[in-house]
Amino acid sequence: MFGLMLSCGTVATLMIVGYAMKRKGLRGGKKAYAAALGVSSLLVLTGAVIALTSGASFAAGEAAAAKEITMGAGLGFIAAAVATSIACLGAGFAVANVGAAALGLVGEKPEMLGTTLIYLGLAEGIAIYGVIISLLIIQRL
């Protein structure tokens, strides 16, 4: 638990330092952001390697002994995670673009607020589709 707090704190600190450097106009803000991305990627990769090479989970206890998780089930869980993550990334990009355009439109024509909310809702639906696909994948395991 201490390792998780330390790694999250390190990444958060690097991101805050990069943002502060960017706001003050100091050089190296992009390097701090790149360092935060590199550290978080390294931590995720290390955690994945440790999880894949270690034995049964301590939390699973006797339940893991009763039902062994196969390689196919593990790949199914990875597929569910990838489906959700890619759908959420797509929804984030869609909401960013649609939201910026919607704010510009509402600034010029306030009566168009309802229409822009519909478009934002459609963009958010992409994430919900990813979650539904993940649930279908996990249900088949």
C-alpha atoms as a PDB file:
ATOM      1  CA  MET A   1       0.000   0.000   0.000  1.00  0.00           C
ATOM      2  CA  PHE A   2       2.883   2.329   0.768  1.00  0.00           C
ATOM      3  CA  GLY A   3       4.324   1.692  -2.696  1.00  0.00           C
ATOM      4  CA  LEU A   4       1.039   2.657  -4.344  1.00  0.00           C
ATOM      5  CA  MET A   5       0.832   5.881  -2.354  1.00  0.00           C
ATOM      6  CA  LEU A   6       4.457   6.688  -3.135  1.00  0.00           C
ATOM      7  CA  SER A   7       4.058   6.095  -6.864  1.00  0.00           C
ATOM      8  CA  CYS A   8       0.827   8.104  -7.101  1.00  0.00           C
ATOM      9  CA  GLY A   9       2.392  10.900  -5.088  1.00  0.00           C
ATOM     10  CA  THR A  10       5.457  10.952  -7.344  1.00  0.00           C
ATOM     11  CA  VAL A  11       3.407  11.193 -10.517  1.00  0.00           C
ATOM     12  CA  ALA A  12       1.100  13.841  -9.034  1.00  0.00           C
ATOM     13  CA  THR A  13       4.073  15.895  -7.818  1.00  0.00           C
ATOM     14  CA  LEU A  14       5.742  15.787 -11.225  1.00  0.00           C
ATOM     15  CA  MET A  15       2.525  16.872 -12.919  1.00  0.00           C
ATOM     16  CA  ILE A  16       2.009  19.753 -10.478  1.00  0.00           C
ATOM     17  CA  VAL A  17       5.616  20.892 -10.918  1.00  0.00           C
ATOM     18  CA  GLY A  18       5.243  20.784 -14.703  1.00  0.00           C
ATOM     19  CA  TYR A  19       1.996  22.766 -14.559  1.00  0.00           C
ATOM     20  CA  ALA A  20       3.515  25.360 -12.206  1.00  0.00           C
ATOM     21  CA  MET A  21       6.562  25.715 -14.447  1.00  0.00           C
ATOM     22  CA  LYS A  22       4.335  26.183 -17.474  1.00  0.00           C
ATOM     23  CA  ARG A  23       2.195  28.812 -15.711  1.00  0.00           C
ATOM     24  CA  LYS A  24       5.243  30.806 -14.590  1.00  0.00           C
ATOM     25  CA  GLY A  25       6.795  30.636 -18.033  1.00  0.00           C
ATOM     26  CA  LEU A  26       9.810  28.656 -16.900  1.00  0.00           C
ATOM     27  CA  ARG A  27      11.479  26.295 -19.297  1.00  0.00           C
ATOM     28  CA  GLY A  28      11.361  22.583 -18.674  1.00  0.00           C
ATOM     29  CA  GLY A  29       7.633  22.230 -17.997  1.00  0.00           C
ATOM     30  CA  LYS A  30       7.301  19.818 -20.890  1.00  0.00           C
ATOM     31  CA  LYS A  31      10.194  17.807 -19.489  1.00  0.00           C
ATOM     32  CA  ALA A  32       8.385  17.509 -16.156  1.00  0.00           C
ATOM     33  CA  TYR A  33       5.239  16.328 -17.945  1.00  0.00           C
ATOM     34  CA  ALA A  34       7.307  13.837 -19.940  1.00  0.00           C
ATOM     35  CA  ALA A  35       8.958  12.647 -16.723  1.00  0.00           C
ATOM     36  CA  ALA A  36       5.541  12.157 -15.106  1.00  0.00           C
ATOM     37  CA  LEU A  37       4.373  10.152 -18.113  1.00  0.00           C
ATOM     38  CA  GLY A  38       7.556   8.086 -18.097  1.00  0.00           C
ATOM     39  CA  VAL A  39       7.386   7.395 -14.361  1.00  0.00           C
ATOM     40  CA  SER A  40       3.720   6.413 -14.497  1.00  0.00           C
ATOM     41  CA  SER A  41       4.329   4.174 -17.526  1.00  0.00           C
ATOM     42  CA  LEU A  42       7.268   2.534 -15.766  1.00  0.00           C
ATOM     43  CA  LEU A  43       5.181   1.961 -12.641  1.00  0.00           C
ATOM     44  CA  VAL A  44       2.327   0.426 -14.639  1.00  0.00           C
ATOM     45  CA  LEU A  45       4.727  -1.826 -16.535  1.00  0.00           C
ATOM     46  CA  THR A  46       6.469  -2.892 -13.319  1.00  0.00           C
ATOM     47  CA  GLY A  47       3.139  -3.632 -11.655  1.00  0.00           C
ATOM     48  CA  ALA A  48       2.016  -5.681 -14.648  1.00  0.00           C
ATOM     49  CA  VAL A  49       5.246  -7.704 -14.654  1.00  0.00           C
ATOM     50  CA  ILE A  50       4.983  -8.357 -10.914  1.00  0.00           C
ATOM     51  CA  ALA A  51       1.325  -9.344 -11.227  1.00  0.00           C
ATOM     52  CA  LEU A  52       2.009 -11.697 -14.133  1.00  0.00           C
ATOM     53  CA  THR A  53       5.046 -13.360 -12.596  1.00  0.00           C
ATOM     54  CA  SER A  54       3.729 -13.775  -9.057  1.00  0.00           C
ATOM     55  CA  GLY A  55       1.586 -16.694  -7.993  1.00  0.00           C
ATOM     56  CA  ALA A  56      -2.025 -16.564  -6.879  1.00  0.00           C
ATOM     57  CA  SER A  57      -3.206 -13.342  -5.333  1.00  0.00           C
ATOM     58  CA  PHE A  58      -3.042 -13.083  -1.562  1.00  0.00           C
ATOM     59  CA  ALA A  59      -6.518 -11.573  -1.488  1.00  0.00           C
ATOM     60  CA  ALA A  60      -8.009 -14.481  -3.422  1.00  0.00           C
ATOM     61  CA  GLY A  61      -6.817 -16.950  -0.804  1.00  0.00           C
ATOM     62  CA  GLU A  62      -8.670 -20.246  -0.919  1.00  0.00           C
ATOM     63  CA  ALA A  63     -10.992 -19.075  -3.687  1.00  0.00           C
ATOM     64  CA  ALA A  64      -8.045 -19.042  -6.099  1.00  0.00           C
ATOM     65  CA  ALA A  65      -7.191 -22.595  -5.122  1.00  0.00           C
ATOM     66  CA  ALA A  66     -10.753 -23.749  -5.755  1.00  0.00           C
ATOM     67  CA  LYS A  67     -11.021 -22.165  -9.193  1.00  0.00           C
ATOM     68  CA  GLU A  68      -7.831 -21.533 -11.089  1.00  0.00           C
ATOM     69  CA  ILE A  69      -7.792 -18.623 -13.489  1.00  0.00           C
ATOM     70  CA  THR A  70      -6.700 -19.748 -16.934  1.00  0.00           C
ATOM     71  CA  MET A  71      -4.720 -17.834 -19.524  1.00  0.00           C
ATOM     72  CA  GLY A  72      -7.901 -17.319 -21.566  1.00  0.00           C
ATOM     73  CA  ALA A  73      -9.679 -15.729 -18.607  1.00  0.00           C
ATOM     74  CA  GLY A  74      -6.706 -13.443 -17.992  1.00  0.00           C
ATOM     75  CA  LEU A  75      -6.716 -12.345 -21.623  1.00  0.00           C
ATOM     76  CA  GLY A  76     -10.475 -11.804 -21.336  1.00  0.00           C
ATOM     77  CA  PHE A  77      -9.952  -9.443 -18.414  1.00  0.00           C
ATOM     78  CA  ILE A  78      -7.284  -7.590 -20.384  1.00  0.00           C
ATOM     79  CA  ALA A  79      -9.669  -7.335 -23.359  1.00  0.00           C
ATOM     80  CA  ALA A  80     -12.381  -5.895 -21.114  1.00  0.00           C
ATOM     81  CA  ALA A  81      -9.958  -3.336 -19.716  1.00  0.00           C
ATOM     82  CA  VAL A  82      -8.743  -2.353 -23.178  1.00  0.00           C
ATOM     83  CA  ALA A  83     -12.318  -2.015 -24.478  1.00  0.00           C
ATOM     84  CA  THR A  84     -13.243   0.314 -21.633  1.00  0.00           C
ATOM     85  CA  SER A  85     -10.051   2.351 -21.799  1.00  0.00           C
ATOM     86  CA  ILE A  86     -10.134   2.934 -25.554  1.00  0.00           C
ATOM     87  CA  ALA A  87     -13.834   3.835 -25.444  1.00  0.00           C
ATOM     88  CA  CYS A  88     -13.216   6.295 -22.598  1.00  0.00           C
ATOM     89  CA  LEU A  89     -10.289   7.876 -24.451  1.00  0.00           C
ATOM     90  CA  GLY A  90     -12.458   8.256 -27.547  1.00  0.00           C
ATOM     91  CA  ALA A  91     -15.257   9.764 -25.484  1.00  0.00           C
ATOM     92  CA  GLY A  92     -12.805  12.180 -23.890  1.00  0.00           C
ATOM     93  CA  PHE A  93     -11.560  13.404 -27.255  1.00  0.00           C
ATOM     94  CA  ALA A  94     -15.120  13.678 -28.552  1.00  0.00           C
ATOM     95  CA  VAL A  95     -16.333  15.626 -25.516  1.00  0.00           C
ATOM     96  CA  ALA A  96     -13.322  17.939 -25.724  1.00  0.00           C
ATOM     97  CA  ASN A  97     -13.996  18.827 -29.349  1.00  0.00           C
ATOM     98  CA  VAL A  98     -17.784  18.952 -29.107  1.00  0.00           C
ATOM     99  CA  GLY A  99     -17.668  20.826 -25.792  1.00  0.00           C
ATOM    100  CA  ALA A 100     -15.375  23.517 -27.175  1.00  0.00           C
ATOM    101  CA  ALA A 101     -17.591  23.985 -30.201  1.00  0.00           C
ATOM    102  CA  ALA A 102     -20.723  23.938 -28.033  1.00  0.00           C
ATOM    103  CA  LEU A 103     -19.394  26.660 -25.745  1.00  0.00           C
ATOM    104  CA  GLY A 104     -18.548  28.794 -28.737  1.00  0.00           C
ATOM    105  CA  LEU A 105     -22.044  28.316 -30.141  1.00  0.00           C
ATOM    106  CA  VAL A 106     -23.780  28.989 -26.815  1.00  0.00           C
ATOM    107  CA  GLY A 107     -21.694  32.145 -26.428  1.00  0.00           C
ATOM    108  CA  GLU A 108     -23.090  33.445 -29.717  1.00  0.00           C
ATOM    109  CA  LYS A 109     -26.585  31.930 -29.535  1.00  0.00           C
ATOM    110  CA  PRO A 110     -27.700  31.106 -25.972  1.00  0.00           C
ATOM    111  CA  GLU A 111     -30.947  29.544 -27.237  1.00  0.00           C
ATOM    112  CA  MET A 112     -28.925  26.627 -28.717  1.00  0.00           C
ATOM    113  CA  LEU A 113     -27.939  25.272 -25.283  1.00  0.00           C
ATOM    114  CA  GLY A 114     -30.367  22.328 -25.410  1.00  0.00           C
ATOM    115  CA  THR A 115     -29.127  21.201 -28.809  1.00  0.00           C
ATOM    116  CA  THR A 116     -25.496  21.301 -27.734  1.00  0.00           C
ATOM    117  CA  LEU A 117     -26.292  19.203 -24.644  1.00  0.00           C
ATOM    118  CA  ILE A 118     -27.695  16.517 -26.913  1.00  0.00           C
ATOM    119  CA  TYR A 119     -24.450  16.412 -28.872  1.00  0.00           C
ATOM    120  CA  LEU A 120     -22.424  16.218 -25.659  1.00  0.00           C
ATOM    121  CA  GLY A 121     -24.614  13.353 -24.481  1.00  0.00           C
ATOM    122  CA  LEU A 122     -24.001  11.480 -27.714  1.00  0.00           C
ATOM    123  CA  ALA A 123     -20.265  11.912 -27.265  1.00  0.00           C
ATOM    124  CA  GLU A 124     -20.494  10.574 -23.692  1.00  0.00           C
ATOM    125  CA  GLY A 125     -22.387   7.552 -24.991  1.00  0.00           C
ATOM    126  CA  ILE A 126     -19.185   6.248 -26.522  1.00  0.00           C
ATOM    127  CA  ALA A 127     -17.796   5.528 -23.045  1.00  0.00           C
ATOM    128  CA  ILE A 128     -20.993   3.750 -22.019  1.00  0.00           C
ATOM    129  CA  TYR A 129     -20.736   1.510 -25.088  1.00  0.00           C
ATOM    130  CA  GLY A 130     -17.222   0.517 -24.028  1.00  0.00           C
ATOM    131  CA  VAL A 131     -18.428  -0.353 -20.523  1.00  0.00           C
ATOM    132  CA  ILE A 132     -21.270  -2.447 -21.963  1.00  0.00           C
ATOM    133  CA  ILE A 133     -18.826  -4.370 -24.162  1.00  0.00           C
ATOM    134  CA  SER A 134     -16.575  -4.934 -21.132  1.00  0.00           C
ATOM    135  CA  LEU A 135     -19.493  -6.290 -19.138  1.00  0.00           C
ATOM    136  CA  LEU A 136     -20.396  -8.635 -21.976  1.00  0.00           C
ATOM    137  CA  ILE A 137     -16.802  -9.880 -22.149  1.00  0.00           C
ATOM    138  CA  ILE A 138     -16.591 -10.433 -18.391  1.00  0.00           C
ATOM    139  CA  GLN A 139     -19.966 -12.190 -18.390  1.00  0.00           C
ATOM    140  CA  ARG A 140     -18.611 -14.751 -20.870  1.00  0.00           C
ATOM    141  CA  LEU A 141     -15.677 -15.573 -18.596  1.00  0.00           C
END
